[in-house]
Every structure is written in structure tokens, then in C-alpha cells.
Protein backbone atom coordinates (compact mmCIF):
# COMPACT_ATOMS: atom_id res chain seq x y z
CA MET A 1 122.63 131.44 101.49
CA SER A 2 120.11 129.75 99.25
CA ILE A 3 116.66 128.52 100.16
CA ARG A 4 115.37 125.33 98.54
CA ARG A 5 111.72 124.28 98.70
CA ILE A 6 110.45 120.75 98.07
CA ASP A 7 106.83 119.67 97.56
CA VAL A 8 105.69 123.24 97.09
CA GLY A 9 101.97 123.88 97.28
CA PRO A 10 99.83 127.01 96.98
CA ARG A 11 99.81 127.59 100.75
CA MET A 12 103.02 125.99 102.01
CA SER A 13 106.01 123.84 101.18
CA GLN A 14 106.36 120.47 102.88
CA ILE A 15 110.15 120.94 103.12
CA VAL A 16 112.27 124.10 103.23
CA ILE A 17 116.06 123.82 103.30
CA HIS A 18 118.11 126.83 104.31
CA GLY A 19 121.83 126.23 104.62
CA ASN A 20 122.24 122.98 106.53
CA THR A 21 118.84 123.18 108.23
CA VAL A 22 115.68 121.37 107.14
CA TYR A 23 112.27 122.66 108.22
CA LEU A 24 109.23 120.44 107.77
CA ALA A 25 105.67 121.69 107.63
CA GLY A 26 103.42 120.42 110.39
CA GLN A 27 102.48 116.82 109.65
CA THR A 28 99.10 115.28 110.36
CA GLY A 29 98.14 111.66 109.85
CA GLU A 30 95.35 109.27 109.09
CA GLY A 31 93.72 106.93 111.57
CA ASP A 32 91.08 106.76 114.26
CA SER A 33 93.43 106.98 117.23
CA VAL A 34 96.33 109.07 118.45
CA ALA A 35 98.57 106.01 118.12
CA ALA A 36 97.57 105.38 114.50
CA GLN A 37 97.92 109.04 113.53
CA THR A 38 101.28 109.33 115.30
CA LYS A 39 102.64 106.24 113.47
CA ASP A 40 101.44 107.68 110.15
CA ILE A 41 103.00 111.07 110.89
CA LEU A 42 106.33 109.55 111.89
CA ALA A 43 106.44 107.55 108.65
CA SER A 44 105.77 110.79 106.72
CA ILE A 45 108.55 112.54 108.62
CA ASP A 46 110.96 109.71 107.73
CA SER A 47 109.99 110.05 104.05
CA LEU A 48 110.26 113.85 103.97
CA LEU A 49 113.62 113.86 105.76
CA ALA A 50 114.94 111.32 103.23
CA LYS A 51 113.81 113.62 100.39
CA ALA A 52 115.78 116.41 102.06
CA GLY A 53 118.90 114.24 102.37
CA THR A 54 118.78 113.65 106.12
CA ASP A 55 117.15 111.37 108.67
CA LYS A 56 115.61 111.23 112.14
CA THR A 57 118.99 111.01 113.86
CA LYS A 58 119.55 114.61 112.78
CA ILE A 59 116.30 116.08 114.18
CA VAL A 60 117.23 118.97 116.47
CA GLN A 61 113.75 120.08 117.51
CA ALA A 62 110.23 118.66 117.53
CA ILE A 63 107.02 120.47 118.37
CA ILE A 64 104.01 118.26 118.98
CA TRP A 65 100.42 119.43 119.20
CA LEU A 66 97.72 117.18 120.62
CA SER A 67 94.02 117.93 120.38
CA ASP A 68 93.70 116.50 123.91
CA MET A 69 96.59 116.28 126.41
CA SER A 70 94.98 113.21 127.99
CA THR A 71 96.42 111.30 124.97
CA PHE A 72 100.01 112.33 125.81
CA ALA A 73 101.05 108.81 126.95
CA GLU A 74 99.50 107.20 123.84
CA MET A 75 101.47 109.51 121.56
CA ASN A 76 104.67 109.07 123.61
CA LYS A 77 104.48 105.28 123.25
CA GLU A 78 104.73 105.63 119.46
CA TRP A 79 107.31 108.42 119.65
CA ASP A 80 109.54 106.45 122.04
CA ALA A 81 109.48 103.40 119.74
CA TRP A 82 110.47 105.59 116.77
CA VAL A 83 113.01 108.11 118.03
CA PRO A 84 116.59 106.76 118.10
CA GLN A 85 117.96 106.73 121.65
CA GLY A 86 120.99 108.97 121.94
CA HIS A 87 119.54 111.19 119.20
CA THR A 88 116.48 112.58 120.97
CA PRO A 89 115.75 116.18 119.94
CA ALA A 90 114.71 119.15 122.00
CA ARG A 91 110.93 118.76 122.19
CA ALA A 92 107.80 120.54 123.31
CA THR A 93 104.27 119.18 123.46
CA GLY A 94 101.11 121.20 123.91
CA GLU A 95 97.37 121.05 123.44
CA ALA A 96 95.73 122.95 120.59
CA LYS A 97 92.64 122.98 118.45
CA LEU A 98 93.99 121.53 115.19
CA ALA A 99 92.98 122.40 111.62
CA ALA A 100 90.11 119.88 111.48
CA PRO A 101 88.36 117.77 114.13
CA LYS A 102 89.69 114.54 112.57
CA TYR A 103 93.27 115.53 113.41
CA LEU A 104 94.38 114.38 116.85
CA VAL A 105 98.13 115.02 116.49
CA GLU A 106 100.38 117.38 114.54
CA ILE A 107 104.17 117.17 114.59
CA ILE A 108 106.64 119.79 113.33
CA VAL A 109 110.35 119.01 113.11
CA THR A 110 113.55 120.85 112.30
CA ALA A 111 116.63 118.83 111.37
CA ALA A 112 120.24 119.26 110.32
CA ILE A 113 121.60 117.89 107.07
């Protein structure tokens, strides 16, 4: 089975397709709040999934990292407005020190084609 990589960089690819599965690199966003960063990340996910030939209704798993779990409800408000009801993926959310202090949220998704 072939492996296709899209938006390949020196350290990682933004999209890897193996068979009928799409793996996205962890996405971070711009903005001064968890809500703003989450909105930005979700827009990036929509764009990357479209490049891979799929969409958010086909997400099978999401892993969300927050720099502070006290912002869980703020992130969920944006997530709930974005995720299509009836197509919610398996999901986990945890707290982690992210790559840089400016990042408040990171989201990783896996989707079907």
C-alpha cells in the first residue's frame, strides 16, 4: 500500500495518506485566546482535509492538547459549533506543555477518505 505525503517539510508532513486513512500533523493556531486559536486550527483542519480529498464528517479520531485544562469549556464551545452532529469522532483531550508558550491548543486528527 502506498504512502502519499502532502505539504512536506524538513521535519514533518502536514498530511500523510496511507490507504484510505489521512493523518494530519498537530495543528496550532493564531490568536490571543483558546477560542481564537481553536477557530483558526479548525479552519486549517478543514483546508488540509480538503487537500487530502476528505472532510470533517470523516474524522475518526481527534486528540486535543490544551496548555491549561481550565480552558476546556472555551475550546469545547468552538469544537461543538464546528463538529457535525452525528459525525463526532472518538476524542481525547489532555493538558500538555506545547511547543511554544504562545500556543494554547493543539489538535491532531485522523480521518477516512
